[in-house]
C-alpha cells in the first residue's frame, strides 16, 4: 500500500511545472517549520532537565 502511494506522489511531482514545484516546496518548508516549532523543547526546560540529570 505504501509503495503505491509513493508512486502516485512521485508521478504528481513529475507532472508539476517548475513554478508549481517551487510552490509545493515553499508550502512543504512552511509545514516543516510549523511542525518543528510544535515539538521543540524550550531552552529553559532543557536547562532544568540537565540539572536534574546531573544531581542523580
PDB file of N, CA and C in Angstrom:
ATOM      1  N   UNK A   1       0.822  -1.194   0.000  1.00  0.00           N
ATOM      2  CA  UNK A   1       0.000   0.000   0.000  1.00  0.00           C
ATOM      3  C   UNK A   1       0.868   1.260   0.000  1.00  0.00           C
ATOM      4  N   UNK A   2       1.911   1.278   0.820  1.00  0.00           N
ATOM      5  CA  UNK A   2       2.784   2.439   0.885  1.00  0.00           C
ATOM      6  C   UNK A   2       3.500   2.655  -0.448  1.00  0.00           C
ATOM      7  N   UNK A   3       3.898   1.587  -1.106  1.00  0.00           N
ATOM      8  CA  UNK A   3       4.605   1.714  -2.377  1.00  0.00           C
ATOM      9  C   UNK A   3       3.717   2.368  -3.431  1.00  0.00           C
ATOM     10  N   UNK A   4       2.453   2.012  -3.430  1.00  0.00           N
ATOM     11  CA  UNK A   4       1.524   2.589  -4.397  1.00  0.00           C
ATOM     12  C   UNK A   4       1.362   4.092  -4.148  1.00  0.00           C
ATOM     13  N   UNK A   5       1.253   4.472  -2.894  1.00  0.00           N
ATOM     14  CA  UNK A   5       1.126   5.884  -2.544  1.00  0.00           C
ATOM     15  C   UNK A   5       2.371   6.657  -2.975  1.00  0.00           C
ATOM     16  N   UNK A   6       3.553   6.078  -2.756  1.00  0.00           N
ATOM     17  CA  UNK A   6       4.799   6.740  -3.142  1.00  0.00           C
ATOM     18  C   UNK A   6       4.861   6.935  -4.645  1.00  0.00           C
ATOM     19  N   UNK A   7       4.422   5.958  -5.400  1.00  0.00           N
ATOM     20  CA  UNK A   7       4.419   6.069  -6.867  1.00  0.00           C
ATOM     21  C   UNK A   7       3.512   7.214  -7.300  1.00  0.00           C
ATOM     22  N   UNK A   8       2.335   7.325  -6.684  1.00  0.00           N
ATOM     23  CA  UNK A   8       1.425   8.420  -7.031  1.00  0.00           C
ATOM     24  C   UNK A   8       2.038   9.776  -6.679  1.00  0.00           C
ATOM     25  N   UNK A   9       2.714   9.853  -5.543  1.00  0.00           N
ATOM     26  CA  UNK A   9       3.350  11.105  -5.139  1.00  0.00           C
ATOM     27  C   UNK A   9       4.462  11.491  -6.120  1.00  0.00           C
ATOM     28  N   UNK A  10       5.273  10.531  -6.506  1.00  0.00           N
ATOM     29  CA  UNK A  10       6.345  10.812  -7.469  1.00  0.00           C
ATOM     30  C   UNK A  10       5.776  11.224  -8.817  1.00  0.00           C
ATOM     31  N   UNK A  11       4.723  10.549  -9.251  1.00  0.00           N
ATOM     32  CA  UNK A  11       4.097  10.902 -10.532  1.00  0.00           C
ATOM     33  C   UNK A  11       3.548  12.329 -10.471  1.00  0.00           C
ATOM     34  N   UNK A  12       2.966  12.692  -9.331  1.00  0.00           N
ATOM     35  CA  UNK A  12       2.440  14.047  -9.171  1.00  0.00           C
ATOM     36  C   UNK A  12       3.572  15.071  -9.229  1.00  0.00           C
ATOM     37  N   UNK A  13       4.676  14.785  -8.551  1.00  0.00           N
ATOM     38  CA  UNK A  13       5.817  15.701  -8.577  1.00  0.00           C
ATOM     39  C   UNK A  13       6.366  15.861  -9.986  1.00  0.00           C
ATOM     40  N   UNK A  14       6.438  14.768 -10.736  1.00  0.00           N
ATOM     41  CA  UNK A  14       6.964  14.822 -12.099  1.00  0.00           C
ATOM     42  C   UNK A  14       6.045  15.586 -13.046  1.00  0.00           C
ATOM     43  N   UNK A  15       4.753  15.568 -12.758  1.00  0.00           N
ATOM     44  CA  UNK A  15       3.811  16.225 -13.659  1.00  0.00           C
ATOM     45  C   UNK A  15       3.667  17.721 -13.382  1.00  0.00           C
ATOM     46  N   UNK A  16       4.255  18.206 -12.282  1.00  0.00           N
ATOM     47  CA  UNK A  16       4.166  19.630 -11.942  1.00  0.00           C
ATOM     48  C   UNK A  16       5.082  20.457 -12.833  1.00  0.00           C
ATOM     49  N   UNK A  17       4.635  21.694 -13.073  1.00  0.00           N
ATOM     50  CA  UNK A  17       5.532  22.644 -13.739  1.00  0.00           C
ATOM     51  C   UNK A  17       6.573  23.090 -12.715  1.00  0.00           C
ATOM     52  N   UNK A  18       7.627  23.729 -13.190  1.00  0.00           N
ATOM     53  CA  UNK A  18       8.652  24.222 -12.262  1.00  0.00           C
ATOM     54  C   UNK A  18       8.063  25.222 -11.268  1.00  0.00           C
ATOM     55  N   UNK A  19       7.144  26.054 -11.752  1.00  0.00           N
ATOM     56  CA  UNK A  19       6.508  27.043 -10.887  1.00  0.00           C
ATOM     57  C   UNK A  19       5.664  26.349  -9.805  1.00  0.00           C
ATOM     58  N   UNK A  20       4.903  25.334 -10.201  1.00  0.00           N
ATOM     59  CA  UNK A  20       4.093  24.589  -9.238  1.00  0.00           C
ATOM     60  C   UNK A  20       4.978  23.867  -8.223  1.00  0.00           C
ATOM     61  N   UNK A  21       6.098  23.317  -8.704  1.00  0.00           N
ATOM     62  CA  UNK A  21       7.008  22.602  -7.822  1.00  0.00           C
ATOM     63  C   UNK A  21       7.622  23.549  -6.796  1.00  0.00           C
ATOM     64  N   UNK A  22       7.992  24.749  -7.217  1.00  0.00           N
ATOM     65  CA  UNK A  22       8.529  25.741  -6.279  1.00  0.00           C
ATOM     66  C   UNK A  22       7.488  26.097  -5.223  1.00  0.00           C
ATOM     67  N   UNK A  23       6.240  26.225  -5.632  1.00  0.00           N
ATOM     68  CA  UNK A  23       5.160  26.488  -4.675  1.00  0.00           C
ATOM     69  C   UNK A  23       4.984  25.334  -3.708  1.00  0.00           C
ATOM     70  N   UNK A  24       5.083  24.105  -4.218  1.00  0.00           N
ATOM     71  CA  UNK A  24       4.990  22.921  -3.379  1.00  0.00           C
ATOM     72  C   UNK A  24       6.106  22.920  -2.335  1.00  0.00           C
ATOM     73  N   UNK A  25       7.328  23.211  -2.776  1.00  0.00           N
ATOM     74  CA  UNK A  25       8.460  23.238  -1.853  1.00  0.00           C
ATOM     75  C   UNK A  25       8.288  24.313  -0.786  1.00  0.00           C
ATOM     76  N   UNK A  26       7.796  25.469  -1.187  1.00  0.00           N
ATOM     77  CA  UNK A  26       7.573  26.560  -0.234  1.00  0.00           C
ATOM     78  C   UNK A  26       6.573  26.124   0.837  1.00  0.00           C
ATOM     79  N   UNK A  27       5.467  25.532   0.408  1.00  0.00           N
ATOM     80  CA  UNK A  27       4.456  25.076   1.359  1.00  0.00           C
ATOM     81  C   UNK A  27       4.987  23.963   2.254  1.00  0.00           C
ATOM     82  N   UNK A  28       5.775  23.063   1.683  1.00  0.00           N
ATOM     83  CA  UNK A  28       6.330  21.955   2.457  1.00  0.00           C
ATOM     84  C   UNK A  28       7.306  22.470   3.516  1.00  0.00           C
ATOM     85  N   UNK A  29       8.109  23.476   3.147  1.00  0.00           N
ATOM     86  CA  UNK A  29       9.034  24.086   4.120  1.00  0.00           C
ATOM     87  C   UNK A  29       8.272  24.775   5.242  1.00  0.00           C
ATOM     88  N   UNK A  30       7.185  25.467   4.901  1.00  0.00           N
ATOM     89  CA  UNK A  30       6.377  26.128   5.922  1.00  0.00           C
ATOM     90  C   UNK A  30       5.755  25.106   6.873  1.00  0.00           C
ATOM     91  N   UNK A  31       5.273  24.001   6.323  1.00  0.00           N
ATOM     92  CA  UNK A  31       4.708  22.940   7.157  1.00  0.00           C
ATOM     93  C   UNK A  31       5.766  22.354   8.080  1.00  0.00           C
ATOM     94  N   UNK A  32       6.950  22.098   7.552  1.00  0.00           N
ATOM     95  CA  UNK A  32       8.048  21.547   8.352  1.00  0.00           C
ATOM     96  C   UNK A  32       8.442  22.509   9.473  1.00  0.00           C
ATOM     97  N   UNK A  33       8.501  23.792   9.156  1.00  0.00           N
ATOM     98  CA  UNK A  33       8.849  24.796  10.159  1.00  0.00           C
ATOM     99  C   UNK A  33       7.795  24.822  11.273  1.00  0.00           C
ATOM    100  N   UNK A  34       6.532  24.776  10.894  1.00  0.00           N
ATOM    101  CA  UNK A  34       5.447  24.779  11.871  1.00  0.00           C
ATOM    102  C   UNK A  34       5.512  23.535  12.759  1.00  0.00           C
ATOM    103  N   UNK A  35       5.729  22.386  12.149  1.00  0.00           N
ATOM    104  CA  UNK A  35       5.815  21.147  12.925  1.00  0.00           C
ATOM    105  C   UNK A  35       6.987  21.170  13.889  1.00  0.00           C
ATOM    106  N   UNK A  36       8.115  21.716  13.431  1.00  0.00           N
ATOM    107  CA  UNK A  36       9.289  21.789  14.309  1.00  0.00           C
ATOM    108  C   UNK A  36       9.032  22.689  15.503  1.00  0.00           C
ATOM    109  N   UNK A  37       8.315  23.798  15.300  1.00  0.00           N
ATOM    110  CA  UNK A  37       8.030  24.681  16.429  1.00  0.00           C
ATOM    111  C   UNK A  37       7.074  24.023  17.412  1.00  0.00           C
ATOM    112  N   UNK A  38       6.249  23.112  16.934  1.00  0.00           N
ATOM    113  CA  UNK A  38       5.304  22.417  17.817  1.00  0.00           C
ATOM    114  C   UNK A  38       6.002  21.394  18.711  1.00  0.00           C
ATOM    115  N   UNK A  39       7.128  20.853  18.275  1.00  0.00           N
ATOM    116  CA  UNK A  39       7.788  19.797  19.042  1.00  0.00           C
ATOM    117  C   UNK A  39       9.089  20.239  19.696  1.00  0.00           C
ATOM    118  N   UNK A  40       9.499  21.478  19.458  1.00  0.00           N
ATOM    119  CA  UNK A  40      10.737  21.952  20.074  1.00  0.00           C
ATOM    120  C   UNK A  40      10.551  22.104  21.572  1.00  0.00           C
ATOM    121  N   UNK A  41      11.583  21.759  22.312  1.00  0.00           N
ATOM    122  CA  UNK A  41      11.578  21.921  23.756  1.00  0.00           C
ATOM    123  C   UNK A  41      12.222  23.261  24.065  1.00  0.00           C
ATOM    124  N   UNK A  42      11.511  24.119  24.810  1.00  0.00           N
ATOM    125  CA  UNK A  42      12.114  25.409  25.144  1.00  0.00           C
ATOM    126  C   UNK A  42      13.452  25.237  25.850  1.00  0.00           C
ATOM    127  N   UNK A  43      14.391  26.124  25.564  1.00  0.00           N
ATOM    128  CA  UNK A  43      15.741  26.021  26.124  1.00  0.00           C
ATOM    129  C   UNK A  43      15.716  26.065  27.649  1.00  0.00           C
ATOM    130  N   UNK A  44      14.794  26.828  28.229  1.00  0.00           N
ATOM    131  CA  UNK A  44      14.716  26.902  29.687  1.00  0.00           C
ATOM    132  C   UNK A  44      14.396  25.535  30.293  1.00  0.00           C
ATOM    133  N   UNK A  45      13.570  24.742  29.632  1.00  0.00           N
ATOM    134  CA  UNK A  45      13.258  23.401  30.122  1.00  0.00           C
ATOM    135  C   UNK A  45      14.434  22.459  29.917  1.00  0.00           C
ATOM    136  N   UNK A  46      15.187  22.660  28.838  1.00  0.00           N
ATOM    137  CA  UNK A  46      16.362  21.834  28.595  1.00  0.00           C
ATOM    138  C   UNK A  46      17.368  22.005  29.724  1.00  0.00           C
ATOM    139  N   UNK A  47      17.558  23.249  30.199  1.00  0.00           N
ATOM    140  CA  UNK A  47      18.492  23.510  31.283  1.00  0.00           C
ATOM    141  C   UNK A  47      18.034  22.825  32.562  1.00  0.00           C
ATOM    142  N   UNK A  48      16.742  22.849  32.834  1.00  0.00           N
ATOM    143  CA  UNK A  48      16.198  22.192  34.020  1.00  0.00           C
ATOM    144  C   UNK A  48      16.426  20.686  33.928  1.00  0.00           C
ATOM    145  N   UNK A  49      16.203  20.127  32.736  1.00  0.00           N
ATOM    146  CA  UNK A  49      16.411  18.695  32.537  1.00  0.00           C
ATOM    147  C   UNK A  49      17.852  18.289  32.766  1.00  0.00           C
ATOM    148  N   UNK A  50      18.793  19.105  32.316  1.00  0.00           N
ATOM    149  CA  UNK A  50      20.214  18.798  32.512  1.00  0.00           C
ATOM    150  C   UNK A  50      20.589  18.879  33.984  1.00  0.00           C
ATOM    151  N   UNK A  51      20.011  19.822  34.709  1.00  0.00           N
ATOM    152  CA  UNK A  51      20.307  19.946  36.138  1.00  0.00           C
ATOM    153  C   UNK A  51      19.823  18.717  36.888  1.00  0.00           C
ATOM    154  N   UNK A  52      18.639  18.203  36.521  1.00  0.00           N
ATOM    155  CA  UNK A  52      18.109  17.010  37.186  1.00  0.00           C
ATOM    156  C   UNK A  52      18.993  15.806  36.922  1.00  0.00           C
ATOM    157  N   UNK A  53      19.494  15.671  35.676  1.00  0.00           N
ATOM    158  CA  UNK A  53      20.354  14.548  35.338  1.00  0.00           C
ATOM    159  C   UNK A  53      21.675  14.629  36.097  1.00  0.00           C
ATOM    160  N   UNK A  54      22.197  15.830  36.285  1.00  0.00           N
ATOM    161  CA  UNK A  54      23.492  15.990  36.971  1.00  0.00           C
ATOM    162  C   UNK A  54      23.395  15.679  38.450  1.00  0.00           C
ATOM    163  N   UNK A  55      22.217  15.877  39.057  1.00  0.00           N
ATOM    164  CA  UNK A  55      22.081  15.654  40.509  1.00  0.00           C
ATOM    165  C   UNK A  55      21.833  14.193  40.825  1.00  0.00           C
ATOM    166  N   UNK A  56      21.568  13.371  39.855  1.00  0.00           N
ATOM    167  CA  UNK A  56      21.286  11.940  40.108  1.00  0.00           C
ATOM    168  C   UNK A  56      22.521  11.175  40.463  1.00  0.00           C
TER     169      UNK A  56
END
